[in-house]
Amino acid sequence: MQISPSVRAVQVPDESPMHPMYTNIYLVGRDQTLTVDSGEALDRYRWMLRGYLAATEKTEIALAAITHHHSDHSGNLRWASEVLKAEVVVHKKAVPLLRGKLPARDRVRTLDTDEVIDMGGGVRPRVLFAPGHSVDSVAYYLEDEGVLFTGDTLLGSSTTTVNELGPYRRSLQMLVELPNLKVICPGHGAIVHDPRERLQSLIAHRDMRERQILDVLDDRRPRTPWEIMLAVYPGLDTRLRRAATGNVEAHLRDLEQQGRVLIHAGKPRRPNPLKRAREVEHARHVQRTLHAAKALEAKEKREQLRLQESPPTAQWAVQPTYEIVGRAKD
């Protein structure tokens, strides 16, 4: 999908309630190409990206960037480096959170806030630090074309999860003040063509949630974050309850820092060493099983290719032979 003269979107259908409609991968540039996010480490994202590149772009990826460290955005960084031969570019805040996901150090470039990535041909996206959804969230802004890439700071078809509310609100305000803003390319969901209105609506939405939480607590009866979530999110898809509780907790932490709510410390369950040991061993068993399954799948694929290269001796003790009818003998 063409977004602007220098920006294309590859929208991968997604059925997760956390990722409504699509997970988006963006291609930026003319002379050379930058990807903004590259999806999860799953075949469908890789097939979609490679297929789009082969059929539509007829180009190669020079740089692979991400908006934050979460695996549905960063899972293919090493793959992009090894298979697509791209150089990986990540904000310095993300580096310690990407352990095990990055290629060799000489294939990684660290970005700083307000740094400009020069893609040639006048295409120069700028790195904006926009924490809140995660501690390392960034946006990329192509000011000449008015295109903003927000990752999960703003989604196209729903609100997002918030880790720290104060930084999130400041990030939204910073983005709404950008000059020449025309379109937002979110990490998930539809492209946003009313960017300032949508950003303002998210600011208002967080203010509304704060008022709702305070209203629930107004009777002076202590409540848990889960109880508050049930009150302020009526009719919510039950698969989103834990995520919504996380947003409530972000509001409560912010209100506690302002001195507007009092938090009564909970009492964590005492860990059962034997149960914990069983859980750890079970998790290791699951990982070993998944690893073995992937190894078997890869071995089966190699075997199928090998069979294409070899005669069918397993099928025939003596293979049939053929000769031409009525061939003249010397």
Protein backbone atom coordinates (compact mmCIF):
# COMPACT_ATOMS: atom_id res chain seq x y z
CA MET A 1 0.00 0.00 0.00
CA GLN A 2 1.44 3.38 -1.02
CA ILE A 3 1.27 5.88 1.85
CA SER A 4 3.33 8.76 0.45
CA PRO A 5 5.92 9.16 -2.32
CA SER A 6 8.58 7.46 -0.16
CA VAL A 7 6.52 5.20 2.14
CA ARG A 8 4.82 1.86 1.55
CA ALA A 9 2.99 -0.37 4.05
CA VAL A 10 2.99 -4.17 4.18
CA GLN A 11 -0.06 -5.07 6.28
CA VAL A 12 0.03 -8.61 7.66
CA PRO A 13 -3.42 -9.86 8.83
CA ASP A 14 -3.46 -10.58 12.56
CA GLU A 15 -6.09 -12.35 14.66
CA SER A 16 -4.70 -11.44 18.08
CA PRO A 17 -7.05 -9.24 20.18
CA MET A 18 -3.93 -7.25 21.11
CA HIS A 19 -3.18 -6.57 17.43
CA PRO A 20 -6.48 -5.63 15.78
CA MET A 21 -6.68 -6.07 12.01
CA TYR A 22 -3.02 -5.96 10.99
CA THR A 23 0.56 -5.92 12.13
CA ASN A 24 2.27 -3.35 9.93
CA ILE A 25 5.72 -3.33 8.35
CA TYR A 26 6.78 -0.13 6.60
CA LEU A 27 9.24 0.42 3.76
CA VAL A 28 10.79 3.86 3.51
CA GLY A 29 13.03 5.31 0.82
CA ARG A 30 13.59 5.40 -2.92
CA ASP A 31 17.25 4.77 -3.70
CA GLN A 32 17.66 2.45 -0.72
CA THR A 33 15.04 1.01 1.63
CA LEU A 34 14.53 1.24 5.39
CA THR A 35 12.07 -1.06 7.16
CA VAL A 36 10.27 0.25 10.24
CA ASP A 37 9.49 -2.88 12.31
CA SER A 38 9.53 -6.34 10.77
CA GLY A 39 6.97 -8.41 12.69
CA GLU A 40 7.29 -11.53 14.79
CA ALA A 41 9.80 -14.31 14.14
CA LEU A 42 7.15 -16.28 12.26
CA ASP A 43 7.14 -17.53 8.69
CA ARG A 44 4.08 -15.52 7.65
CA TYR A 45 5.79 -12.22 8.37
CA ARG A 46 8.93 -13.29 6.56
CA TRP A 47 6.99 -14.65 3.58
CA MET A 48 4.92 -11.48 3.37
CA LEU A 49 7.95 -9.22 3.49
CA ARG A 50 10.03 -11.26 1.04
CA GLY A 51 7.06 -11.69 -1.28
CA TYR A 52 6.36 -7.96 -1.28
CA LEU A 53 9.98 -7.16 -1.91
CA ALA A 54 10.22 -9.64 -4.78
CA ALA A 55 6.89 -8.90 -6.46
CA THR A 56 6.42 -5.19 -5.83
CA GLU A 57 9.59 -3.48 -4.71
CA LYS A 58 12.16 -5.31 -6.80
CA THR A 59 14.64 -3.88 -4.31
CA GLU A 60 16.67 -4.83 -1.26
CA ILE A 61 16.50 -3.65 2.35
CA ALA A 62 19.48 -1.54 3.36
CA LEU A 63 18.42 -0.78 6.96
CA ALA A 64 16.08 -2.49 9.43
CA ALA A 65 14.75 -0.31 12.28
CA ILE A 66 12.28 -0.94 15.11
CA THR A 67 10.00 1.26 17.21
CA HIS A 68 10.60 -0.73 20.43
CA HIS A 69 11.94 -4.03 21.72
CA HIS A 70 8.71 -6.08 21.97
CA SER A 71 9.00 -9.31 20.00
CA ASP A 72 6.14 -8.58 17.60
CA HIS A 73 8.27 -5.68 16.31
CA SER A 74 11.84 -6.91 16.79
CA GLY A 75 11.58 -10.67 16.24
CA ASN A 76 13.02 -10.60 12.73
CA LEU A 77 16.01 -8.30 13.22
CA ARG A 78 18.58 -11.08 13.09
CA TRP A 79 16.76 -12.70 10.15
CA ALA A 80 16.71 -9.38 8.26
CA SER A 81 20.46 -9.10 8.76
CA GLU A 82 21.32 -12.69 7.86
CA VAL A 83 18.85 -13.30 5.02
CA LEU A 84 18.11 -9.85 3.62
CA LYS A 85 21.63 -8.54 4.39
CA ALA A 86 20.23 -5.43 6.08
CA GLU A 87 22.08 -3.31 8.61
CA VAL A 88 20.12 -3.15 11.88
CA VAL A 89 19.52 0.29 13.41
CA VAL A 90 18.10 0.58 16.96
CA HIS A 91 17.78 3.34 19.55
CA LYS A 92 20.36 3.14 22.31
CA LYS A 93 17.61 2.64 24.93
CA ALA A 94 16.56 -0.59 23.19
CA VAL A 95 19.96 -2.27 23.02
CA PRO A 96 19.99 -3.81 26.55
CA LEU A 97 16.41 -5.05 26.00
CA LEU A 98 17.26 -6.87 22.76
CA ARG A 99 19.67 -9.46 24.14
CA GLY A 100 19.62 -12.49 21.85
CA LYS A 101 17.68 -10.72 19.09
CA LEU A 102 20.46 -8.71 17.47
CA PRO A 103 22.96 -9.87 14.82
CA ALA A 104 26.71 -9.47 15.19
CA ARG A 105 27.80 -6.12 16.58
CA ASP A 106 29.30 -4.98 13.28
CA ARG A 107 25.82 -5.30 11.70
CA VAL A 108 24.15 -3.00 14.28
CA ARG A 109 24.10 0.81 14.33
CA THR A 110 22.92 2.59 17.49
CA LEU A 111 20.64 5.61 17.06
CA ASP A 112 20.21 8.61 19.33
CA THR A 113 17.21 10.88 19.90
CA ASP A 114 16.74 13.47 17.11
CA GLU A 115 19.22 11.64 14.88
CA VAL A 116 18.36 11.77 11.19
CA ILE A 117 18.63 8.66 9.01
CA ASP A 118 19.66 9.81 5.54
CA MET A 119 18.18 7.39 3.02
CA GLY A 120 19.24 9.43 -0.02
CA GLY A 121 17.00 11.25 -2.46
CA GLY A 122 15.96 13.72 0.25
CA VAL A 123 14.33 11.01 2.40
CA ARG A 124 15.43 11.76 5.99
CA PRO A 125 13.33 10.23 8.80
CA ARG A 126 14.13 11.67 12.25
CA VAL A 127 14.25 9.58 15.44
CA LEU A 128 11.90 10.80 18.21
CA PHE A 129 12.11 9.32 21.71
CA ALA A 130 8.51 8.61 22.79
CA PRO A 131 8.45 6.43 25.93
CA GLY A 132 5.29 5.37 27.72
CA HIS A 133 4.09 2.22 25.98
CA SER A 134 7.58 0.89 26.71
CA VAL A 135 10.69 2.48 28.17
CA ASP A 136 12.43 2.40 24.77
CA SER A 137 9.58 3.41 22.45
CA VAL A 138 10.56 5.67 19.57
CA ALA A 139 8.77 7.21 16.62
CA TYR A 140 10.23 8.12 13.23
CA TYR A 141 9.12 11.30 11.50
CA LEU A 142 9.44 12.03 7.80
CA GLU A 143 8.58 15.72 8.07
CA ASP A 144 8.78 16.64 4.37
CA GLU A 145 6.02 14.12 3.62
CA GLY A 146 4.21 14.49 6.96
CA VAL A 147 4.44 10.77 7.79
CA LEU A 148 4.87 9.65 11.41
CA PHE A 149 5.65 6.03 12.40
CA THR A 150 4.40 5.48 15.96
CA GLY A 151 4.84 1.76 16.65
CA ASP A 152 2.53 0.98 19.60
CA THR A 153 2.48 4.51 21.01
CA LEU A 154 -0.61 5.01 18.86
CA LEU A 155 -2.51 2.12 17.27
CA GLY A 156 -4.73 2.42 14.24
CA SER A 157 -7.81 0.61 15.50
CA SER A 158 -7.73 0.69 19.32
CA THR A 159 -6.02 2.23 22.31
CA THR A 160 -2.71 0.81 23.49
CA THR A 161 -1.17 -0.56 26.67
CA VAL A 162 0.73 1.93 28.81
CA ASN A 163 3.72 1.12 30.98
CA GLU A 164 4.34 4.58 32.46
CA LEU A 165 1.57 7.16 32.20
CA GLY A 166 3.52 10.39 32.75
CA PRO A 167 6.03 9.75 29.95
CA TYR A 168 3.20 8.48 27.73
CA ARG A 169 1.20 11.68 28.10
CA ARG A 170 4.28 13.79 27.39
CA SER A 171 5.04 11.68 24.31
CA LEU A 172 1.53 12.20 22.93
CA GLN A 173 1.79 15.96 23.50
CA MET A 174 5.18 16.05 21.77
CA LEU A 175 3.79 14.20 18.75
CA VAL A 176 0.67 16.35 18.43
CA GLU A 177 2.88 19.45 18.14
CA LEU A 178 4.91 18.14 15.18
CA PRO A 179 4.80 20.45 12.14
CA ASN A 180 3.26 19.32 8.84
CA LEU A 181 1.79 16.13 10.34
CA LYS A 182 -0.48 14.48 7.75
CA VAL A 183 -0.64 10.72 8.38
CA ILE A 184 0.26 8.27 11.15
CA CYS A 185 1.57 4.81 10.36
CA PRO A 186 0.85 2.73 13.51
CA GLY A 187 2.37 -0.57 14.56
CA HIS A 188 -0.99 -2.32 14.32
CA GLY A 189 -4.30 -1.52 12.67
CA ALA A 190 -5.44 0.93 10.02
CA ILE A 191 -3.47 3.90 8.73
CA VAL A 192 -4.53 7.12 10.51
CA HIS A 193 -5.42 10.05 8.25
CA ASP A 194 -6.59 12.43 11.01
CA PRO A 195 -3.38 12.36 13.07
CA ARG A 196 -3.80 15.39 15.33
CA GLU A 197 -7.40 14.56 16.13
CA ARG A 198 -6.45 10.97 17.00
CA LEU A 199 -3.55 12.05 19.21
CA GLN A 200 -5.77 14.56 21.00
CA SER A 201 -8.40 11.86 21.45
CA LEU A 202 -5.83 9.60 23.15
CA ILE A 203 -4.83 12.42 25.50
CA ALA A 204 -8.53 12.93 26.32
CA HIS A 205 -9.04 9.19 26.69
CA ARG A 206 -6.34 8.89 29.33
CA ASP A 207 -7.87 11.87 31.18
CA MET A 208 -11.26 10.12 31.04
CA ARG A 209 -9.81 6.88 32.44
CA GLU A 210 -8.23 8.83 35.28
CA ARG A 211 -11.59 10.38 36.18
CA GLN A 212 -13.29 6.98 36.01
CA ILE A 213 -10.72 5.41 38.34
CA LEU A 214 -11.08 8.26 40.84
CA ASP A 215 -14.87 7.92 40.68
CA VAL A 216 -14.62 4.20 41.51
CA LEU A 217 -12.40 5.02 44.50
CA ASP A 218 -14.55 7.95 45.63
CA ASP A 219 -16.46 5.89 48.20
CA ARG A 220 -13.19 5.48 50.14
CA ARG A 221 -13.35 1.69 49.97
CA PRO A 222 -10.01 0.19 48.91
CA ARG A 223 -10.17 -1.83 45.72
CA THR A 224 -7.72 -3.94 43.78
CA PRO A 225 -6.62 -2.96 40.24
CA TRP A 226 -8.62 -5.94 38.94
CA GLU A 227 -11.80 -4.70 40.65
CA ILE A 228 -11.24 -1.20 39.28
CA MET A 229 -10.67 -2.61 35.79
CA LEU A 230 -13.99 -4.49 35.91
CA ALA A 231 -15.74 -1.25 36.87
CA VAL A 232 -14.19 1.04 34.25
CA TYR A 233 -14.02 -1.45 31.36
CA PRO A 234 -17.55 -2.89 31.19
CA GLY A 235 -18.11 -5.27 28.30
CA LEU A 236 -14.40 -5.60 27.57
CA ASP A 237 -13.26 -8.65 25.60
CA THR A 238 -12.19 -10.98 28.41
CA ARG A 239 -8.94 -11.74 26.56
CA LEU A 240 -7.92 -8.10 27.15
CA ARG A 241 -8.56 -7.97 30.89
CA ARG A 242 -4.98 -8.42 32.00
CA ALA A 243 -3.82 -5.73 29.57
CA ALA A 244 -6.53 -3.35 30.79
CA THR A 245 -5.51 -4.03 34.39
CA GLY A 246 -1.98 -3.03 33.46
CA ASN A 247 -3.32 0.32 32.21
CA VAL A 248 -5.25 0.79 35.46
CA GLU A 249 -2.07 0.09 37.41
CA ALA A 250 -0.19 2.69 35.32
CA HIS A 251 -2.85 5.27 36.24
CA LEU A 252 -2.71 4.28 39.91
CA ARG A 253 1.09 4.62 40.02
CA ASP A 254 0.80 8.06 38.46
CA LEU A 255 -1.94 9.12 40.90
CA GLU A 256 0.09 7.80 43.83
CA GLN A 257 3.10 9.87 42.69
CA GLN A 258 0.82 12.93 42.63
CA GLY A 259 -0.33 12.15 46.19
CA ARG A 260 -3.93 11.63 45.06
CA VAL A 261 -4.30 7.95 45.97
CA LEU A 262 -2.86 5.84 48.74
CA ILE A 263 -1.56 2.38 47.93
CA HIS A 264 -1.90 -0.30 50.62
CA ALA A 265 0.89 -2.78 50.00
CA GLY A 266 -0.22 -6.24 49.02
CA LYS A 267 1.16 -9.49 50.35
CA PRO A 268 2.86 -11.61 47.70
CA ARG A 269 2.34 -15.33 47.86
CA ARG A 270 5.30 -17.16 49.28
CA PRO A 271 6.91 -19.14 46.50
CA ASN A 272 6.75 -22.90 46.89
CA PRO A 273 10.28 -24.07 46.04
CA LEU A 274 9.14 -27.49 44.87
CA LYS A 275 6.32 -26.08 42.75
CA ARG A 276 8.67 -23.47 41.30
CA ALA A 277 11.25 -26.13 40.47
CA ARG A 278 8.56 -28.18 38.69
CA GLU A 279 7.43 -25.11 36.74
CA VAL A 280 10.99 -24.31 35.70
CA GLU A 281 11.60 -27.90 34.60
CA HIS A 282 8.28 -27.96 32.74
CA ALA A 283 9.19 -24.73 30.93
CA ARG A 284 12.56 -26.21 29.98
CA HIS A 285 10.85 -29.39 28.77
CA VAL A 286 8.49 -27.33 26.62
CA GLN A 287 11.39 -25.37 25.14
CA ARG A 288 13.37 -28.57 24.47
CA THR A 289 10.31 -30.13 22.82
CA LEU A 290 9.70 -27.06 20.65
CA HIS A 291 13.37 -26.94 19.70
CA ALA A 292 13.35 -30.65 18.83
CA ALA A 293 10.18 -30.21 16.78
CA LYS A 294 11.74 -27.36 14.81
CA ALA A 295 14.88 -29.43 14.27
CA LEU A 296 12.80 -32.37 13.02
CA GLU A 297 10.84 -30.08 10.73
CA ALA A 298 14.06 -28.67 9.30
CA LYS A 299 15.49 -32.19 8.90
CA GLU A 300 12.32 -33.31 7.09
CA LYS A 301 12.60 -30.37 4.68
CA ARG A 302 16.24 -31.22 4.01
CA GLU A 303 15.29 -34.86 3.42
CA GLN A 304 12.58 -33.87 0.95
CA LEU A 305 15.12 -31.79 -0.95
CA ARG A 306 17.64 -34.63 -0.88
CA LEU A 307 15.07 -37.01 -2.35
CA GLN A 308 14.65 -34.64 -5.28
CA GLU A 309 18.38 -34.97 -5.98
CA SER A 310 18.60 -38.78 -5.78
CA PRO A 311 17.11 -41.72 -7.78
CA PRO A 312 14.11 -43.54 -6.21
CA THR A 313 16.12 -46.56 -5.02
CA ALA A 314 13.91 -46.99 -1.96
CA GLN A 315 10.93 -47.53 -4.25
CA TRP A 316 12.54 -49.85 -6.84
CA ALA A 317 14.81 -52.85 -6.42
CA VAL A 318 15.23 -52.68 -10.20
CA GLN A 319 14.01 -49.51 -11.86
CA PRO A 320 12.04 -49.73 -15.10
CA THR A 321 13.91 -48.69 -18.22
CA TYR A 322 12.70 -47.31 -21.53
CA GLU A 323 13.91 -47.36 -25.12
CA ILE A 324 12.57 -46.03 -28.34
CA VAL A 325 10.34 -48.26 -30.48
CA GLY A 326 11.75 -49.42 -33.83
CA ARG A 327 15.09 -47.82 -33.38
CA ALA A 328 17.49 -48.75 -36.15
CA LYS A 329 20.41 -50.96 -35.16
CA ASP A 330 23.87 -50.30 -36.45
